[in-house]
Amino acid sequence: MENNTDPNSEDAVRNSKAAREARSIVRFMIEHTAYGGFGALVFGCLVLFFDIGGIYSLAMSSRDAPIFIFLLFFGLFITFGGISLGIGIMNLGGFSDDDRYRDERTSHRNRDD
């Protein structure tokens, strides 16, 4: 039996509108998670540098300091990345919601001139 797959059909699927939109969504998610990750990195470094709550001193007095630092930054990355991604997703509908609100506000205005 012969395999009748056309190499151009794979390119058509790869460059289809659905595939481009999927890549766009994944890029959006990675970009916003990276913003949160950068914020987590900055915040974690500042917490350790200023020794807030004695966290740095406590971690360095332990023999498991690398595990502690990893868990601190992992938790911060998950938290800040999730918040950043959530803010990005919630801002996606901001334009249409805002336009509709303005339209309703101007059409139902009380004219007491």
N, C-alpha and C. Protein backbone atom coordinates (compact mmCIF):
# COMPACT_ATOMS: atom_id res chain seq x y z
N MET A 1 0.84 -1.17 0.00
CA MET A 1 0.00 0.00 0.00
C MET A 1 0.89 1.23 0.00
N GLU A 2 0.47 2.18 -0.76
CA GLU A 2 1.23 3.40 -0.93
C GLU A 2 0.66 4.51 -0.05
N ASN A 3 1.52 5.30 0.54
CA ASN A 3 1.09 6.41 1.38
C ASN A 3 0.92 7.64 0.49
N ASN A 4 -0.31 8.13 0.36
CA ASN A 4 -0.61 9.24 -0.53
C ASN A 4 -0.73 10.56 0.22
N THR A 5 0.23 10.86 1.05
CA THR A 5 0.18 12.14 1.75
C THR A 5 0.90 13.19 0.92
N ASP A 6 0.29 14.28 0.78
CA ASP A 6 0.85 15.39 0.01
C ASP A 6 1.66 16.27 0.95
N PRO A 7 2.93 16.52 0.68
CA PRO A 7 3.73 17.36 1.58
C PRO A 7 3.19 18.78 1.69
N ASN A 8 2.49 19.24 0.67
CA ASN A 8 1.93 20.58 0.72
C ASN A 8 0.75 20.67 1.68
N SER A 9 0.08 19.55 1.94
CA SER A 9 -1.05 19.58 2.87
C SER A 9 -0.59 19.83 4.30
N GLU A 10 0.59 19.32 4.67
CA GLU A 10 1.13 19.59 6.00
C GLU A 10 1.46 21.07 6.15
N ASP A 11 2.02 21.67 5.11
CA ASP A 11 2.30 23.10 5.16
C ASP A 11 1.02 23.92 5.24
N ALA A 12 -0.01 23.45 4.56
CA ALA A 12 -1.29 24.17 4.60
C ALA A 12 -1.88 24.14 6.00
N VAL A 13 -1.78 22.98 6.65
CA VAL A 13 -2.31 22.87 8.01
C VAL A 13 -1.47 23.71 8.97
N ARG A 14 -0.16 23.66 8.80
CA ARG A 14 0.76 24.40 9.68
C ARG A 14 0.57 25.91 9.54
N ASN A 15 0.21 26.37 8.35
CA ASN A 15 0.03 27.81 8.12
C ASN A 15 -1.43 28.23 8.08
N SER A 16 -2.32 27.38 8.55
CA SER A 16 -3.73 27.72 8.53
C SER A 16 -4.02 28.80 9.58
N LYS A 17 -5.19 29.38 9.48
CA LYS A 17 -5.58 30.45 10.40
C LYS A 17 -5.64 29.92 11.84
N ALA A 18 -6.16 28.72 12.02
CA ALA A 18 -6.25 28.13 13.36
C ALA A 18 -4.86 27.92 13.97
N ALA A 19 -3.92 27.45 13.16
CA ALA A 19 -2.56 27.23 13.67
C ALA A 19 -1.89 28.55 14.02
N ARG A 20 -2.10 29.58 13.20
CA ARG A 20 -1.52 30.89 13.51
C ARG A 20 -2.11 31.47 14.79
N GLU A 21 -3.43 31.30 14.97
CA GLU A 21 -4.07 31.79 16.20
C GLU A 21 -3.58 31.03 17.41
N ALA A 22 -3.38 29.72 17.27
CA ALA A 22 -2.89 28.91 18.39
C ALA A 22 -1.47 29.35 18.78
N ARG A 23 -0.63 29.60 17.79
CA ARG A 23 0.73 30.09 18.09
C ARG A 23 0.67 31.45 18.75
N SER A 24 -0.25 32.28 18.31
CA SER A 24 -0.41 33.61 18.90
C SER A 24 -0.84 33.52 20.36
N ILE A 25 -1.73 32.61 20.67
CA ILE A 25 -2.20 32.43 22.05
C ILE A 25 -1.07 31.91 22.93
N VAL A 26 -0.33 30.94 22.44
CA VAL A 26 0.78 30.38 23.22
C VAL A 26 1.85 31.45 23.46
N ARG A 27 2.15 32.24 22.43
CA ARG A 27 3.13 33.32 22.58
C ARG A 27 2.65 34.34 23.61
N PHE A 28 1.35 34.67 23.59
CA PHE A 28 0.76 35.60 24.55
C PHE A 28 0.92 35.07 25.98
N MET A 29 0.64 33.78 26.17
CA MET A 29 0.74 33.19 27.51
C MET A 29 2.19 33.16 28.00
N ILE A 30 3.10 32.78 27.12
CA ILE A 30 4.51 32.72 27.52
C ILE A 30 5.04 34.12 27.83
N GLU A 31 4.64 35.09 27.02
CA GLU A 31 5.11 36.46 27.24
C GLU A 31 4.63 37.01 28.58
N HIS A 32 3.37 36.83 28.90
CA HIS A 32 2.85 37.37 30.16
C HIS A 32 3.38 36.58 31.37
N THR A 33 3.58 35.29 31.22
CA THR A 33 4.17 34.52 32.31
C THR A 33 5.62 34.94 32.53
N ALA A 34 6.33 35.28 31.46
CA ALA A 34 7.71 35.75 31.60
C ALA A 34 7.75 37.10 32.31
N TYR A 35 6.78 37.98 32.04
CA TYR A 35 6.72 39.25 32.77
C TYR A 35 6.57 38.98 34.27
N GLY A 36 5.67 38.07 34.62
CA GLY A 36 5.50 37.72 36.03
C GLY A 36 6.73 37.07 36.61
N GLY A 37 7.41 36.25 35.82
CA GLY A 37 8.64 35.61 36.28
C GLY A 37 9.74 36.62 36.56
N PHE A 38 9.82 37.64 35.71
CA PHE A 38 10.81 38.70 35.95
C PHE A 38 10.47 39.46 37.24
N GLY A 39 9.19 39.73 37.44
CA GLY A 39 8.77 40.39 38.68
C GLY A 39 9.08 39.54 39.90
N ALA A 40 8.88 38.23 39.79
CA ALA A 40 9.19 37.32 40.89
C ALA A 40 10.68 37.30 41.18
N LEU A 41 11.48 37.31 40.13
CA LEU A 41 12.92 37.31 40.31
C LEU A 41 13.38 38.58 41.02
N VAL A 42 12.88 39.72 40.60
CA VAL A 42 13.24 41.00 41.23
C VAL A 42 12.77 41.01 42.69
N PHE A 43 11.54 40.63 42.93
CA PHE A 43 10.99 40.64 44.29
C PHE A 43 11.75 39.69 45.19
N GLY A 44 12.03 38.47 44.70
CA GLY A 44 12.76 37.50 45.51
C GLY A 44 14.17 37.96 45.84
N CYS A 45 14.84 38.57 44.88
CA CYS A 45 16.19 39.09 45.14
C CYS A 45 16.16 40.22 46.15
N LEU A 46 15.16 41.08 46.06
CA LEU A 46 15.05 42.18 47.03
C LEU A 46 14.76 41.65 48.44
N VAL A 47 13.90 40.64 48.52
CA VAL A 47 13.59 40.05 49.83
C VAL A 47 14.84 39.44 50.44
N LEU A 48 15.62 38.74 49.63
CA LEU A 48 16.84 38.13 50.15
C LEU A 48 17.91 39.18 50.45
N PHE A 49 18.03 40.19 49.60
CA PHE A 49 19.06 41.22 49.81
C PHE A 49 18.80 42.02 51.09
N PHE A 50 17.56 42.41 51.33
CA PHE A 50 17.24 43.19 52.52
C PHE A 50 16.94 42.32 53.73
N ASP A 51 17.02 41.01 53.55
CA ASP A 51 16.83 40.04 54.64
C ASP A 51 15.52 40.29 55.40
N ILE A 52 14.45 40.43 54.64
CA ILE A 52 13.14 40.70 55.22
C ILE A 52 12.69 39.47 56.01
N GLY A 53 12.35 39.70 57.26
CA GLY A 53 11.92 38.62 58.14
C GLY A 53 13.02 37.64 58.48
N GLY A 54 14.26 37.99 58.18
CA GLY A 54 15.38 37.11 58.47
C GLY A 54 15.42 35.88 57.57
N ILE A 55 14.80 35.98 56.40
CA ILE A 55 14.71 34.81 55.50
C ILE A 55 16.10 34.40 55.00
N TYR A 56 16.90 35.39 54.57
CA TYR A 56 18.22 35.06 54.05
C TYR A 56 19.10 34.46 55.14
N SER A 57 19.07 35.04 56.33
CA SER A 57 19.89 34.54 57.44
C SER A 57 19.48 33.12 57.80
N LEU A 58 18.19 32.88 57.84
CA LEU A 58 17.68 31.56 58.17
C LEU A 58 18.08 30.54 57.11
N ALA A 59 17.97 30.93 55.84
CA ALA A 59 18.32 30.01 54.75
C ALA A 59 19.81 29.69 54.76
N MET A 60 20.64 30.68 54.98
CA MET A 60 22.08 30.46 54.93
C MET A 60 22.61 29.70 56.14
N SER A 61 21.86 29.69 57.23
CA SER A 61 22.30 28.92 58.40
C SER A 61 21.91 27.45 58.28
N SER A 62 21.12 27.13 57.28
CA SER A 62 20.70 25.75 57.07
C SER A 62 21.61 25.07 56.05
N ARG A 63 21.75 23.77 56.16
CA ARG A 63 22.54 23.04 55.17
C ARG A 63 21.74 22.82 53.88
N ASP A 64 20.42 23.06 53.93
CA ASP A 64 19.56 22.90 52.76
C ASP A 64 19.22 24.24 52.11
N ALA A 65 20.16 25.17 52.12
CA ALA A 65 19.93 26.51 51.58
C ALA A 65 19.54 26.49 50.10
N PRO A 66 20.18 25.70 49.24
CA PRO A 66 19.77 25.72 47.83
C PRO A 66 18.32 25.27 47.62
N ILE A 67 17.88 24.29 48.39
CA ILE A 67 16.50 23.84 48.27
C ILE A 67 15.54 24.93 48.73
N PHE A 68 15.89 25.61 49.83
CA PHE A 68 15.06 26.68 50.33
C PHE A 68 14.94 27.81 49.31
N ILE A 69 16.06 28.22 48.73
CA ILE A 69 16.05 29.31 47.75
C ILE A 69 15.26 28.89 46.52
N PHE A 70 15.43 27.66 46.06
CA PHE A 70 14.67 27.16 44.92
C PHE A 70 13.17 27.20 45.20
N LEU A 71 12.76 26.72 46.36
CA LEU A 71 11.33 26.71 46.70
C LEU A 71 10.77 28.12 46.83
N LEU A 72 11.57 29.05 47.37
CA LEU A 72 11.13 30.43 47.47
C LEU A 72 10.87 31.01 46.09
N PHE A 73 11.83 30.86 45.19
CA PHE A 73 11.68 31.44 43.85
C PHE A 73 10.64 30.68 43.02
N PHE A 74 10.51 29.39 43.22
CA PHE A 74 9.48 28.62 42.51
C PHE A 74 8.09 29.11 42.90
N GLY A 75 7.86 29.28 44.19
CA GLY A 75 6.56 29.77 44.65
C GLY A 75 6.28 31.18 44.16
N LEU A 76 7.31 32.03 44.19
CA LEU A 76 7.12 33.40 43.69
C LEU A 76 6.83 33.40 42.19
N PHE A 77 7.53 32.54 41.44
CA PHE A 77 7.31 32.48 39.99
C PHE A 77 5.89 32.03 39.68
N ILE A 78 5.41 31.01 40.37
CA ILE A 78 4.05 30.53 40.13
C ILE A 78 3.04 31.62 40.47
N THR A 79 3.24 32.30 41.59
CA THR A 79 2.30 33.34 42.01
C THR A 79 2.32 34.54 41.07
N PHE A 80 3.50 35.10 40.84
CA PHE A 80 3.60 36.30 40.00
C PHE A 80 3.27 35.98 38.55
N GLY A 81 3.69 34.82 38.05
CA GLY A 81 3.37 34.44 36.68
C GLY A 81 1.88 34.25 36.48
N GLY A 82 1.22 33.63 37.45
CA GLY A 82 -0.23 33.45 37.36
C GLY A 82 -0.98 34.77 37.42
N ILE A 83 -0.53 35.66 38.27
CA ILE A 83 -1.18 36.98 38.37
C ILE A 83 -0.99 37.75 37.07
N SER A 84 0.21 37.74 36.54
CA SER A 84 0.48 38.45 35.29
C SER A 84 -0.33 37.88 34.13
N LEU A 85 -0.40 36.57 34.05
CA LEU A 85 -1.18 35.93 33.00
C LEU A 85 -2.66 36.24 33.16
N GLY A 86 -3.15 36.21 34.39
CA GLY A 86 -4.55 36.55 34.64
C GLY A 86 -4.89 37.97 34.27
N ILE A 87 -4.00 38.91 34.59
CA ILE A 87 -4.22 40.30 34.23
C ILE A 87 -4.23 40.45 32.71
N GLY A 88 -3.31 39.79 32.04
CA GLY A 88 -3.27 39.86 30.57
C GLY A 88 -4.54 39.30 29.94
N ILE A 89 -5.04 38.20 30.46
CA ILE A 89 -6.26 37.60 29.91
C ILE A 89 -7.46 38.49 30.19
N MET A 90 -7.54 39.05 31.40
CA MET A 90 -8.68 39.91 31.72
C MET A 90 -8.67 41.20 30.91
N ASN A 91 -7.49 41.66 30.49
CA ASN A 91 -7.41 42.87 29.69
C ASN A 91 -7.73 42.64 28.22
N LEU A 92 -7.84 41.39 27.79
CA LEU A 92 -8.15 41.11 26.39
C LEU A 92 -9.50 41.68 25.98
N GLY A 93 -10.50 41.60 26.82
CA GLY A 93 -11.84 42.06 26.47
C GLY A 93 -12.09 43.50 26.83
N GLY A 94 -11.09 44.22 27.26
CA GLY A 94 -11.27 45.58 27.73
C GLY A 94 -11.78 46.54 26.67
N PHE A 95 -11.39 46.36 25.42
CA PHE A 95 -11.77 47.33 24.39
C PHE A 95 -13.25 47.22 24.05
N SER A 96 -13.73 46.01 23.79
CA SER A 96 -15.13 45.88 23.41
C SER A 96 -16.05 46.18 24.59
N ASP A 97 -15.66 45.77 25.80
CA ASP A 97 -16.50 46.07 26.96
C ASP A 97 -16.58 47.57 27.19
N ASP A 98 -15.46 48.26 27.05
CA ASP A 98 -15.43 49.70 27.28
C ASP A 98 -16.25 50.42 26.21
N ASP A 99 -16.14 49.99 24.96
CA ASP A 99 -16.92 50.63 23.89
C ASP A 99 -18.41 50.46 24.12
N ARG A 100 -18.83 49.29 24.51
CA ARG A 100 -20.25 49.04 24.73
C ARG A 100 -20.74 49.87 25.92
N TYR A 101 -19.94 49.99 26.95
CA TYR A 101 -20.34 50.78 28.12
C TYR A 101 -20.52 52.25 27.73
N ARG A 102 -19.60 52.77 26.94
CA ARG A 102 -19.71 54.16 26.52
C ARG A 102 -20.96 54.37 25.68
N ASP A 103 -21.27 53.41 24.80
CA ASP A 103 -22.46 53.54 23.97
C ASP A 103 -23.72 53.56 24.82
N GLU A 104 -23.81 52.67 25.81
CA GLU A 104 -24.99 52.63 26.68
C GLU A 104 -25.08 53.88 27.53
N ARG A 105 -23.95 54.39 27.98
CA ARG A 105 -23.95 55.57 28.83
C ARG A 105 -24.44 56.79 28.06
N THR A 106 -24.00 56.94 26.82
CA THR A 106 -24.41 58.12 26.06
C THR A 106 -25.84 58.01 25.56
N SER A 107 -26.33 56.80 25.31
CA SER A 107 -27.70 56.68 24.80
C SER A 107 -28.74 56.79 25.90
N HIS A 108 -28.38 56.57 27.16
CA HIS A 108 -29.33 56.63 28.28
C HIS A 108 -29.09 57.84 29.17
N ARG A 109 -28.45 58.84 28.63
CA ARG A 109 -28.12 60.02 29.44
C ARG A 109 -29.39 60.86 29.66
N ASN A 110 -29.55 61.34 30.87
CA ASN A 110 -30.67 62.26 31.17
C ASN A 110 -30.28 63.66 30.72
N ARG A 111 -31.10 64.24 29.92
CA ARG A 111 -30.81 65.58 29.42
C ARG A 111 -31.64 66.59 30.19
N ASP A 112 -31.00 67.23 31.15
CA ASP A 112 -31.67 68.25 31.97
C ASP A 112 -31.13 69.63 31.62
N ASP A 113 -30.97 69.90 30.32
CA ASP A 113 -30.45 71.19 29.90
C ASP A 113 -31.48 72.26 29.89
